[in-house]
PDB file of N, CA and C in Angstrom:
ATOM      1  N   MET A   1     -14.201   4.212   5.375  1.00  0.00           N
ATOM      2  CA  MET A   1     -13.354   3.624   6.405  1.00  0.00           C
ATOM      3  C   MET A   1     -12.836   2.258   5.955  1.00  0.00           C
ATOM      4  N   ASN A   2     -13.692   1.466   5.300  1.00  0.00           N
ATOM      5  CA  ASN A   2     -13.261   0.152   4.820  1.00  0.00           C
ATOM      6  C   ASN A   2     -12.138   0.272   3.798  1.00  0.00           C
ATOM      7  N   PHE A   3     -12.211   1.321   2.960  1.00  0.00           N
ATOM      8  CA  PHE A   3     -11.147   1.521   1.975  1.00  0.00           C
ATOM      9  C   PHE A   3      -9.807   1.726   2.686  1.00  0.00           C
ATOM     10  N   LEU A   4      -9.816   2.551   3.724  1.00  0.00           N
ATOM     11  CA  LEU A   4      -8.580   2.817   4.463  1.00  0.00           C
ATOM     12  C   LEU A   4      -8.064   1.546   5.135  1.00  0.00           C
ATOM     13  N   LEU A   5      -8.950   0.782   5.754  1.00  0.00           N
ATOM     14  CA  LEU A   5      -8.546  -0.475   6.388  1.00  0.00           C
ATOM     15  C   LEU A   5      -8.003  -1.456   5.354  1.00  0.00           C
ATOM     16  N   ASP A   6      -8.655  -1.510   4.174  1.00  0.00           N
ATOM     17  CA  ASP A   6      -8.148  -2.367   3.092  1.00  0.00           C
ATOM     18  C   ASP A   6      -6.766  -1.905   2.643  1.00  0.00           C
ATOM     19  N   TRP A   7      -6.622  -0.617   2.443  1.00  0.00           N
ATOM     20  CA  TRP A   7      -5.362  -0.060   1.958  1.00  0.00           C
ATOM     21  C   TRP A   7      -4.232  -0.335   2.948  1.00  0.00           C
ATOM     22  N   LEU A   8      -4.528  -0.269   4.238  1.00  0.00           N
ATOM     23  CA  LEU A   8      -3.524  -0.523   5.269  1.00  0.00           C
ATOM     24  C   LEU A   8      -3.344  -2.013   5.555  1.00  0.00           C
ATOM     25  N   GLY A   9      -4.195  -2.848   4.950  1.00  0.00           N
ATOM     26  CA  GLY A   9      -4.100  -4.288   5.170  1.00  0.00           C
ATOM     27  C   GLY A   9      -4.653  -4.715   6.515  1.00  0.00           C
ATOM     28  N   LEU A  10      -5.573  -3.935   7.054  1.00  0.00           N
ATOM     29  CA  LEU A  10      -6.107  -4.202   8.389  1.00  0.00           C
ATOM     30  C   LEU A  10      -7.545  -4.701   8.387  1.00  0.00           C
ATOM     31  N   ASN A  11      -8.175  -4.776   7.236  1.00  0.00           N
ATOM     32  CA  ASN A  11      -9.600  -5.078   7.173  1.00  0.00           C
ATOM     33  C   ASN A  11      -9.959  -6.482   7.640  1.00  0.00           C
ATOM     34  N   ASN A  12      -9.085  -7.446   7.456  1.00  0.00           N
ATOM     35  CA  ASN A  12      -9.412  -8.825   7.792  1.00  0.00           C
ATOM     36  C   ASN A  12      -8.870  -9.262   9.151  1.00  0.00           C
ATOM     37  N   LEU A  13      -8.421  -8.320   9.963  1.00  0.00           N
ATOM     38  CA  LEU A  13      -7.878  -8.658  11.268  1.00  0.00           C
ATOM     39  C   LEU A  13      -8.985  -8.752  12.312  1.00  0.00           C
ATOM     40  N   SER A  14      -8.792  -9.654  13.256  1.00  0.00           N
ATOM     41  CA  SER A  14      -9.719  -9.730  14.383  1.00  0.00           C
ATOM     42  C   SER A  14      -9.509  -8.499  15.257  1.00  0.00           C
ATOM     43  N   PHE A  15     -10.455  -8.262  16.145  1.00  0.00           N
ATOM     44  CA  PHE A  15     -10.337  -7.125  17.050  1.00  0.00           C
ATOM     45  C   PHE A  15      -9.071  -7.241  17.884  1.00  0.00           C
ATOM     46  N   ASN A  16      -8.766  -8.438  18.356  1.00  0.00           N
ATOM     47  CA  ASN A  16      -7.571  -8.683  19.162  1.00  0.00           C
ATOM     48  C   ASN A  16      -6.302  -8.333  18.368  1.00  0.00           C
ATOM     49  N   GLU A  17      -6.224  -8.790  17.133  1.00  0.00           N
ATOM     50  CA  GLU A  17      -5.054  -8.492  16.297  1.00  0.00           C
ATOM     51  C   GLU A  17      -4.970  -7.010  15.967  1.00  0.00           C
ATOM     52  N   LEU A  18      -6.126  -6.380  15.787  1.00  0.00           N
ATOM     53  CA  LEU A  18      -6.140  -4.942  15.518  1.00  0.00           C
ATOM     54  C   LEU A  18      -5.579  -4.177  16.726  1.00  0.00           C
ATOM     55  N   LEU A  19      -5.913  -4.611  17.932  1.00  0.00           N
ATOM     56  CA  LEU A  19      -5.337  -4.004  19.136  1.00  0.00           C
ATOM     57  C   LEU A  19      -3.821  -4.170  19.160  1.00  0.00           C
ATOM     58  N   TRP A  20      -3.334  -5.351  18.754  1.00  0.00           N
ATOM     59  CA  TRP A  20      -1.883  -5.575  18.697  1.00  0.00           C
ATOM     60  C   TRP A  20      -1.215  -4.645  17.688  1.00  0.00           C
ATOM     61  N   VAL A  21      -1.859  -4.440  16.554  1.00  0.00           N
ATOM     62  CA  VAL A  21      -1.305  -3.529  15.545  1.00  0.00           C
ATOM     63  C   VAL A  21      -1.237  -2.111  16.105  1.00  0.00           C
ATOM     64  N   PHE A  22      -2.286  -1.682  16.792  1.00  0.00           N
ATOM     65  CA  PHE A  22      -2.273  -0.353  17.395  1.00  0.00           C
ATOM     66  C   PHE A  22      -1.199  -0.259  18.479  1.00  0.00           C
ATOM     67  N   PHE A  23      -1.001  -1.321  19.249  1.00  0.00           N
ATOM     68  CA  PHE A  23       0.030  -1.362  20.272  1.00  0.00           C
ATOM     69  C   PHE A  23       1.413  -1.215  19.634  1.00  0.00           C
ATOM     70  N   GLY A  24       1.661  -1.983  18.588  1.00  0.00           N
ATOM     71  CA  GLY A  24       2.935  -1.890  17.871  1.00  0.00           C
ATOM     72  C   GLY A  24       3.148  -0.516  17.259  1.00  0.00           C
ATOM     73  N   THR A  25       2.073   0.061  16.734  1.00  0.00           N
ATOM     74  CA  THR A  25       2.153   1.399  16.153  1.00  0.00           C
ATOM     75  C   THR A  25       2.460   2.431  17.229  1.00  0.00           C
ATOM     76  N   LEU A  26       1.869   2.282  18.400  1.00  0.00           N
ATOM     77  CA  LEU A  26       2.163   3.175  19.517  1.00  0.00           C
ATOM     78  C   LEU A  26       3.655   3.134  19.849  1.00  0.00           C
ATOM     79  N   GLY A  27       4.220   1.937  19.898  1.00  0.00           N
ATOM     80  CA  GLY A  27       5.650   1.799  20.159  1.00  0.00           C
ATOM     81  C   GLY A  27       6.478   2.531  19.123  1.00  0.00           C
ATOM     82  N   GLN A  28       6.103   2.404  17.876  1.00  0.00           N
ATOM     83  CA  GLN A  28       6.838   3.092  16.812  1.00  0.00           C
ATOM     84  C   GLN A  28       6.689   4.601  16.908  1.00  0.00           C
ATOM     85  N   LEU A  29       5.500   5.078  17.283  1.00  0.00           N
ATOM     86  CA  LEU A  29       5.293   6.522  17.433  1.00  0.00           C
ATOM     87  C   LEU A  29       6.118   7.089  18.589  1.00  0.00           C
ATOM     88  N   ILE A  30       6.168   6.361  19.702  1.00  0.00           N
ATOM     89  CA  ILE A  30       6.999   6.797  20.827  1.00  0.00           C
ATOM     90  C   ILE A  30       8.465   6.804  20.398  1.00  0.00           C
ATOM     91  N   PHE A  31       8.869   5.736  19.711  1.00  0.00           N
ATOM     92  CA  PHE A  31      10.248   5.633  19.235  1.00  0.00           C
ATOM     93  C   PHE A  31      10.580   6.794  18.292  1.00  0.00           C
ATOM     94  N   PHE A  32       9.666   7.113  17.382  1.00  0.00           N
ATOM     95  CA  PHE A  32       9.879   8.212  16.442  1.00  0.00           C
ATOM     96  C   PHE A  32       9.954   9.558  17.154  1.00  0.00           C
ATOM     97  N   SER A  33       9.162   9.741  18.212  1.00  0.00           N
ATOM     98  CA  SER A  33       9.095  11.038  18.882  1.00  0.00           C
ATOM     99  C   SER A  33      10.445  11.459  19.459  1.00  0.00           C
ATOM    100  N   ARG A  34      11.333  10.495  19.664  1.00  0.00           N
ATOM    101  CA  ARG A  34      12.650  10.834  20.199  1.00  0.00           C
ATOM    102  C   ARG A  34      13.395  11.776  19.264  1.00  0.00           C
ATOM    103  N   TRP A  35      13.179  11.643  17.963  1.00  0.00           N
ATOM    104  CA  TRP A  35      13.857  12.519  17.011  1.00  0.00           C
ATOM    105  C   TRP A  35      13.314  13.931  17.080  1.00  0.00           C
ATOM    106  N   ILE A  36      12.027  14.066  17.362  1.00  0.00           N
ATOM    107  CA  ILE A  36      11.440  15.399  17.515  1.00  0.00           C
ATOM    108  C   ILE A  36      12.030  16.077  18.753  1.00  0.00           C
ATOM    109  N   ILE A  37      12.159  15.320  19.842  1.00  0.00           N
ATOM    110  CA  ILE A  37      12.751  15.851  21.073  1.00  0.00           C
ATOM    111  C   ILE A  37      14.190  16.277  20.818  1.00  0.00           C
ATOM    112  N   GLN A  38      14.951  15.420  20.162  1.00  0.00           N
ATOM    113  CA  GLN A  38      16.364  15.738  19.886  1.00  0.00           C
ATOM    114  C   GLN A  38      16.475  16.976  19.001  1.00  0.00           C
ATOM    115  N   TRP A  39      15.665  17.055  17.980  1.00  0.00           N
ATOM    116  CA  TRP A  39      15.684  18.200  17.074  1.00  0.00           C
ATOM    117  C   TRP A  39      15.325  19.489  17.825  1.00  0.00           C
ATOM    118  N   TYR A  40      14.286  19.418  18.673  1.00  0.00           N
ATOM    119  CA  TYR A  40      13.855  20.586  19.436  1.00  0.00           C
ATOM    120  C   TYR A  40      14.992  21.113  20.321  1.00  0.00           C
ATOM    121  N   TYR A  41      15.635  20.239  21.084  1.00  0.00           N
ATOM    122  CA  TYR A  41      16.710  20.667  21.971  1.00  0.00           C
ATOM    123  C   TYR A  41      17.920  21.186  21.195  1.00  0.00           C
ATOM    124  N   SER A  42      18.224  20.559  20.081  1.00  0.00           N
ATOM    125  CA  SER A  42      19.348  21.035  19.269  1.00  0.00           C
ATOM    126  C   SER A  42      19.079  22.437  18.737  1.00  0.00           C
ATOM    127  N   GLU A  43      17.855  22.684  18.306  1.00  0.00           N
ATOM    128  CA  GLU A  43      17.496  24.018  17.812  1.00  0.00           C
ATOM    129  C   GLU A  43      17.465  25.024  18.959  1.00  0.00           C
ATOM    130  N   LYS A  44      16.927  24.621  20.086  1.00  0.00           N
ATOM    131  CA  LYS A  44      16.807  25.522  21.230  1.00  0.00           C
ATOM    132  C   LYS A  44      18.179  25.983  21.723  1.00  0.00           C
ATOM    133  N   PHE A  45      19.135  25.069  21.782  1.00  0.00           N
ATOM    134  CA  PHE A  45      20.454  25.396  22.303  1.00  0.00           C
ATOM    135  C   PHE A  45      21.501  25.627  21.208  1.00  0.00           C
ATOM    136  N   ASN A  46      21.054  25.569  19.961  1.00  0.00           N
ATOM    137  CA  ASN A  46      21.903  25.843  18.807  1.00  0.00           C
ATOM    138  C   ASN A  46      23.162  24.971  18.771  1.00  0.00           C
ATOM    139  N   THR A  47      23.018  23.728  19.201  1.00  0.00           N
ATOM    140  CA  THR A  47      24.094  22.749  19.137  1.00  0.00           C
ATOM    141  C   THR A  47      23.456  21.362  19.136  1.00  0.00           C
ATOM    142  N   SER A  48      24.178  20.393  18.664  1.00  0.00           N
ATOM    143  CA  SER A  48      23.633  19.037  18.628  1.00  0.00           C
ATOM    144  C   SER A  48      23.606  18.451  20.040  1.00  0.00           C
ATOM    145  N   LEU A  49      22.413  18.156  20.525  1.00  0.00           N
ATOM    146  CA  LEU A  49      22.224  17.603  21.864  1.00  0.00           C
ATOM    147  C   LEU A  49      21.366  16.353  21.806  1.00  0.00           C
ATOM    148  N   ILE A  50      21.622  15.445  22.725  1.00  0.00           N
ATOM    149  CA  ILE A  50      20.745  14.288  22.897  1.00  0.00           C
ATOM    150  C   ILE A  50      20.239  14.344  24.339  1.00  0.00           C
ATOM    151  N   PRO A  51      19.035  14.882  24.537  1.00  0.00           N
ATOM    152  CA  PRO A  51      18.503  15.022  25.892  1.00  0.00           C
ATOM    153  C   PRO A  51      18.042  13.680  26.458  1.00  0.00           C
ATOM    154  N   ILE A  52      17.843  13.646  27.767  1.00  0.00           N
ATOM    155  CA  ILE A  52      17.449  12.408  28.433  1.00  0.00           C
ATOM    156  C   ILE A  52      16.110  11.886  27.901  1.00  0.00           C
ATOM    157  N   GLY A  53      15.217  12.774  27.479  1.00  0.00           N
ATOM    158  CA  GLY A  53      13.936  12.347  26.912  1.00  0.00           C
ATOM    159  C   GLY A  53      14.108  11.475  25.677  1.00  0.00           C
ATOM    160  N   PHE A  54      15.169  11.744  24.926  1.00  0.00           N
ATOM    161  CA  PHE A  54      15.484  10.931  23.752  1.00  0.00           C
ATOM    162  C   PHE A  54      15.691   9.474  24.167  1.00  0.00           C
ATOM    163  N   TRP A  55      16.466   9.278  25.249  1.00  0.00           N
ATOM    164  CA  TRP A  55      16.767   7.915  25.689  1.00  0.00           C
ATOM    165  C   TRP A  55      15.546   7.236  26.302  1.00  0.00           C
ATOM    166  N   TRP A  56      14.710   8.001  27.010  1.00  0.00           N
ATOM    167  CA  TRP A  56      13.491   7.395  27.563  1.00  0.00           C
ATOM    168  C   TRP A  56      12.512   7.005  26.453  1.00  0.00           C
ATOM    169  N   CYS A  57      12.352   7.858  25.445  1.00  0.00           N
ATOM    170  CA  CYS A  57      11.484   7.489  24.308  1.00  0.00           C
ATOM    171  C   CYS A  57      12.061   6.293  23.568  1.00  0.00           C
ATOM    172  N   SER A  58      13.385   6.256  23.431  1.00  0.00           N
ATOM    173  CA  SER A  58      14.027   5.104  22.795  1.00  0.00           C
ATOM    174  C   SER A  58      13.727   3.836  23.586  1.00  0.00           C
ATOM    175  N   PHE A  59      13.882   3.918  24.907  1.00  0.00           N
ATOM    176  CA  PHE A  59      13.678   2.748  25.761  1.00  0.00           C
ATOM    177  C   PHE A  59      12.224   2.263  25.712  1.00  0.00           C
ATOM    178  N   PHE A  60      11.276   3.146  25.991  1.00  0.00           N
ATOM    179  CA  PHE A  60       9.878   2.718  26.036  1.00  0.00           C
ATOM    180  C   PHE A  60       9.342   2.349  24.659  1.00  0.00           C
ATOM    181  N   GLY A  61       9.715   3.110  23.629  1.00  0.00           N
ATOM    182  CA  GLY A  61       9.319   2.752  22.271  1.00  0.00           C
ATOM    183  C   GLY A  61       9.905   1.413  21.864  1.00  0.00           C
ATOM    184  N   GLY A  62      11.182   1.186  22.219  1.00  0.00           N
ATOM    185  CA  GLY A  62      11.834  -0.089  21.913  1.00  0.00           C
ATOM    186  C   GLY A  62      11.218  -1.247  22.676  1.00  0.00           C
ATOM    187  N   LEU A  63      10.867  -1.023  23.942  1.00  0.00           N
ATOM    188  CA  LEU A  63      10.252  -2.074  24.754  1.00  0.00           C
ATOM    189  C   LEU A  63       8.885  -2.477  24.197  1.00  0.00           C
ATOM    190  N   ILE A  64       8.063  -1.485  23.892  1.00  0.00           N
ATOM    191  CA  ILE A  64       6.744  -1.779  23.313  1.00  0.00           C
ATOM    192  C   ILE A  64       6.911  -2.490  21.976  1.00  0.00           C
ATOM    193  N   THR A  65       7.842  -2.030  21.165  1.00  0.00           N
ATOM    194  CA  THR A  65       8.068  -2.646  19.860  1.00  0.00           C
ATOM    195  C   THR A  65       8.609  -4.072  20.012  1.00  0.00           C
ATOM    196  N   LEU A  66       9.456  -4.305  21.012  1.00  0.00           N
ATOM    197  CA  LEU A  66       9.947  -5.660  21.283  1.00  0.00           C
ATOM    198  C   LEU A  66       8.798  -6.597  21.647  1.00  0.00           C
ATOM    199  N   ILE A  67       7.887  -6.125  22.479  1.00  0.00           N
ATOM    200  CA  ILE A  67       6.720  -6.942  22.846  1.00  0.00           C
ATOM    201  C   ILE A  67       5.891  -7.259  21.607  1.00  0.00           C
ATOM    202  N   TYR A  68       5.684  -6.257  20.766  1.00  0.00           N
ATOM    203  CA  TYR A  68       4.931  -6.481  19.531  1.00  0.00           C
ATOM    204  C   TYR A  68       5.676  -7.452  18.603  1.00  0.00           C
ATOM    205  N   ALA A  69       6.986  -7.292  18.475  1.00  0.00           N
ATOM    206  CA  ALA A  69       7.776  -8.178  17.618  1.00  0.00           C
ATOM    207  C   ALA A  69       7.698  -9.618  18.114  1.00  0.00           C
ATOM    208  N   HIS A  70       7.672  -9.800  19.423  1.00  0.00           N
ATOM    209  CA  HIS A  70       7.507 -11.142  19.988  1.00  0.00           C
ATOM    210  C   HIS A  70       6.129 -11.696  19.631  1.00  0.00           C
ATOM    211  N   HIS A  71       5.123 -10.838  19.714  1.00  0.00           N
ATOM    212  CA  HIS A  71       3.759 -11.275  19.373  1.00  0.00           C
ATOM    213  C   HIS A  71       3.665 -11.759  17.931  1.00  0.00           C
ATOM    214  N   ILE A  72       4.338 -11.069  17.023  1.00  0.00           N
ATOM    215  CA  ILE A  72       4.268 -11.481  15.615  1.00  0.00           C
ATOM    216  C   ILE A  72       5.362 -12.481  15.259  1.00  0.00           C
ATOM    217  N   SER A  73       6.130 -12.904  16.256  1.00  0.00           N
ATOM    218  CA  SER A  73       7.180 -13.921  16.088  1.00  0.00           C
ATOM    219  C   SER A  73       8.219 -13.542  15.044  1.00  0.00           C
ATOM    220  N   SER A  74       8.690 -12.311  15.121  1.00  0.00           N
ATOM    221  CA  SER A  74       9.703 -11.842  14.184  1.00  0.00           C
ATOM    222  C   SER A  74      11.051 -11.780  14.895  1.00  0.00           C
ATOM    223  N   PHE A  75      11.851 -12.832  14.744  1.00  0.00           N
ATOM    224  CA  PHE A  75      13.139 -12.887  15.424  1.00  0.00           C
ATOM    225  C   PHE A  75      14.052 -11.724  15.050  1.00  0.00           C
ATOM    226  N   PRO A  76      14.201 -11.370  13.756  1.00  0.00           N
ATOM    227  CA  PRO A  76      15.096 -10.234  13.439  1.00  0.00           C
ATOM    228  C   PRO A  76      14.635  -8.935  14.101  1.00  0.00           C
ATOM    229  N   PHE A  77      13.339  -8.723  14.129  1.00  0.00           N
ATOM    230  CA  PHE A  77      12.753  -7.534  14.747  1.00  0.00           C
ATOM    231  C   PHE A  77      13.011  -7.557  16.262  1.00  0.00           C
ATOM    232  N   MET A  78      12.827  -8.712  16.891  1.00  0.00           N
ATOM    233  CA  MET A  78      13.090  -8.852  18.330  1.00  0.00           C
ATOM    234  C   MET A  78      14.563  -8.616  18.637  1.00  0.00           C
ATOM    235  N   LEU A  79      15.440  -9.187  17.835  1.00  0.00           N
ATOM    236  CA  LEU A  79      16.877  -9.042  18.055  1.00  0.00           C
ATOM    237  C   LEU A  79      17.300  -7.576  17.973  1.00  0.00           C
ATOM    238  N   ALA A  80      16.824  -6.886  16.964  1.00  0.00           N
ATOM    239  CA  ALA A  80      17.170  -5.472  16.799  1.00  0.00           C
ATOM    240  C   ALA A  80      16.686  -4.652  17.993  1.00  0.00           C
ATOM    241  N   GLN A  81      15.477  -4.901  18.441  1.00  0.00           N
ATOM    242  CA  GLN A  81      14.945  -4.143  19.572  1.00  0.00           C
ATOM    243  C   GLN A  81      15.664  -4.493  20.870  1.00  0.00           C
ATOM    244  N   ALA A  82      15.998  -5.762  21.065  1.00  0.00           N
ATOM    245  CA  ALA A  82      16.685  -6.179  22.296  1.00  0.00           C
ATOM    246  C   ALA A  82      18.065  -5.537  22.388  1.00  0.00           C
ATOM    247  N   VAL A  83      18.794  -5.519  21.298  1.00  0.00           N
ATOM    248  CA  VAL A  83      20.117  -4.877  21.295  1.00  0.00           C
ATOM    249  C   VAL A  83      19.967  -3.382  21.570  1.00  0.00           C
ATOM    250  N   GLY A  84      18.986  -2.773  20.940  1.00  0.00           N
ATOM    251  CA  GLY A  84      18.729  -1.354  21.178  1.00  0.00           C
ATOM    252  C   GLY A  84      18.411  -1.072  22.640  1.00  0.00           C
ATOM    253  N   LEU A  85      17.609  -1.929  23.264  1.00  0.00           N
ATOM    254  CA  LEU A  85      17.255  -1.729  24.675  1.00  0.00           C
ATOM    255  C   LEU A  85      18.483  -1.751  25.577  1.00  0.00           C
ATOM    256  N   ILE A  86      19.438  -2.585  25.245  1.00  0.00           N
ATOM    257  CA  ILE A  86      20.688  -2.625  26.025  1.00  0.00           C
ATOM    258  C   ILE A  86      21.403  -1.275  25.923  1.00  0.00           C
ATOM    259  N   ILE A  87      21.479  -0.743  24.720  1.00  0.00           N
ATOM    260  CA  ILE A  87      22.159   0.531  24.499  1.00  0.00           C
ATOM    261  C   ILE A  87      21.416   1.676  25.191  1.00  0.00           C
ATOM    262  N   TYR A  88      20.091   1.704  25.062  1.00  0.00           N
ATOM    263  CA  TYR A  88      19.306   2.773  25.683  1.00  0.00           C
ATOM    264  C   TYR A  88      19.420   2.701  27.201  1.00  0.00           C
ATOM    265  N   SER A  89      19.354   1.490  27.743  1.00  0.00           N
ATOM    266  CA  SER A  89      19.476   1.309  29.195  1.00  0.00           C
ATOM    267  C   SER A  89      20.844   1.772  29.685  1.00  0.00           C
ATOM    268  N   ARG A  90      21.862   1.413  28.956  1.00  0.00           N
ATOM    269  CA  ARG A  90      23.225   1.792  29.360  1.00  0.00           C
ATOM    270  C   ARG A  90      23.383   3.307  29.360  1.00  0.00           C
ATOM    271  N   ASN A  91      22.841   3.970  28.361  1.00  0.00           N
ATOM    272  CA  ASN A  91      22.925   5.427  28.322  1.00  0.00           C
ATOM    273  C   ASN A  91      22.177   6.054  29.490  1.00  0.00           C
ATOM    274  N   LEU A  92      21.004   5.529  29.830  1.00  0.00           N
ATOM    275  CA  LEU A  92      20.260   6.048  30.977  1.00  0.00           C
ATOM    276  C   LEU A  92      21.029   5.821  32.276  1.00  0.00           C
ATOM    277  N   ILE A  93      21.649   4.658  32.419  1.00  0.00           N
ATOM    278  CA  ILE A  93      22.461   4.372  33.612  1.00  0.00           C
ATOM    279  C   ILE A  93      23.617   5.367  33.710  1.00  0.00           C
ATOM    280  N   LEU A  94      24.303   5.607  32.592  1.00  0.00           N
ATOM    281  CA  LEU A  94      25.418   6.557  32.593  1.00  0.00           C
ATOM    282  C   LEU A  94      24.954   7.962  32.986  1.00  0.00           C
ATOM    283  N   ILE A  95      23.823   8.375  32.451  1.00  0.00           N
ATOM    284  CA  ILE A  95      23.288   9.710  32.760  1.00  0.00           C
ATOM    285  C   ILE A  95      22.960   9.822  34.243  1.00  0.00           C
ATOM    286  N   TYR A  96      22.258   8.835  34.784  1.00  0.00           N
ATOM    287  CA  TYR A  96      21.861   8.902  36.191  1.00  0.00           C
ATOM    288  C   TYR A  96      23.045   8.718  37.136  1.00  0.00           C
ATOM    289  N   ASN A  97      24.027   7.917  36.756  1.00  0.00           N
ATOM    290  CA  ASN A  97      25.234   7.799  37.570  1.00  0.00           C
ATOM    291  C   ASN A  97      25.967   9.128  37.639  1.00  0.00           C
ATOM    292  N   LYS A  98      26.041   9.834  36.520  1.00  0.00           N
ATOM    293  CA  LYS A  98      26.717  11.133  36.478  1.00  0.00           C
ATOM    294  C   LYS A  98      25.968  12.153  37.331  1.00  0.00           C
ATOM    295  N   LYS A  99      24.623  12.112  37.273  1.00  0.00           N
ATOM    296  CA  LYS A  99      23.820  13.033  38.087  1.00  0.00           C
ATOM    297  C   LYS A  99      24.031  12.736  39.576  1.00  0.00           C
ATOM    298  N   ASN A 100      24.113  11.474  39.944  1.00  0.00           N
ATOM    299  CA  ASN A 100      24.307  11.110  41.346  1.00  0.00           C
ATOM    300  C   ASN A 100      25.688  11.502  41.838  1.00  0.00           C
ATOM    301  N   GLU A 101      26.697  11.480  40.974  1.00  0.00           N
ATOM    302  CA  GLU A 101      28.053  11.900  41.355  1.00  0.00           C
ATOM    303  C   GLU A 101      28.093  13.387  41.692  1.00  0.00           C
ATOM    304  N   LYS A 102      27.275  14.180  41.016  1.00  0.00           N
ATOM    305  CA  LYS A 102      27.255  15.625  41.243  1.00  0.00           C
ATOM    306  C   LYS A 102      26.591  15.977  42.567  1.00  0.00           C
ATOM    307  N   ASN A 103      25.735  15.104  43.074  1.00  0.00           N
ATOM    308  CA  ASN A 103      24.992  15.384  44.320  1.00  0.00           C
ATOM    309  C   ASN A 103      25.750  14.982  45.531  1.00  0.00           C
TER     310      ASN A 103
END
C-alpha cells in the first residue's frame, strides 16, 4: 500500500489533505462519467445525443472540482471550472425552459 501511495505522491499527505484529494478525485470521476452517459445514449439511439444527465454530471463534477481547485489555490483551474459551470448551468436552464413550454 505504501508503494502505491508513494507512486501516486500521496504518502506524505495529512489525513485532511488526503480527504481533499479524494474529494477532488470524486469531482473528476463525476465529470468523466458524463462521457459514459453520452456514449451510452448515442449508442442506444444510434445518433449523437447529449442527454440531460451529461449536463448534470458536468455541473456537479465541475462544482466539486471548482471547490477543490479553490482549496489548492489554482487560479487557472478555478477559472476553467467557473466558465464551465456557466455553460453547464445555461444548458440546464435551456432544457428546463423548453420542458416547461411544452407543459
